[in-house]
Amino acid sequence: MLVVGGRGFRFKVQREGQLWPAFVVRHSSGVAAYINRCSHLALELDWSQGTFFDIDKASIICSTHGALYEAVTGECIGGPCAGKPLETIQVTENDRFILLTDRNYWLVYDSPEKNIFSENPK
C-alpha cells in the first residue's frame, strides 16, 4: 500500500524493446509514476529501494546529487537538474489498484508485488 510521502513502489516497464526502471509514489493529491532516472545524470533516484522522498516527504530527491523534483508533476525544482523534469508515466488509480495507462510503456511482470498494477488497457 502506498502512503503519502512514504516508500514508493519500484517496477519495470518496456518501451520500444528496452527495459526501464520505474516507480510510483503517493503524493498529497494522488499517485504519480516516473522512469527511475535522474534528469541530471542517468542514475536511479532512490538511495534505498523505494525511498524517493526528501526528508520533508514533499519532494522527490535524487540520492546522488540532491536534484529535487515536484512529486505531482516531476518538474525540477532545485539542484543540478537545471529545469529538466523526470520522465512521467501515465497512471490512474481505480479502487485499490493503480492502472498503467501510458500507451508508450508496457509493464514487465518480474516483481513479487505485481498486484499493485493492472494490465495496460487495449
Foldseek 3Di string as FASTA:
>chain_A
DADQLDFWDWFWKDFPRDIFIKIKHAHPPGIWIFGQQQLQHRDGADPDHRNQADPVSQWGFRPPFTFTAGRVPQFTDDTRSVGDGTGTFDWDDDDQAIERARPRIFTDPDDPPVRNYDGHDD
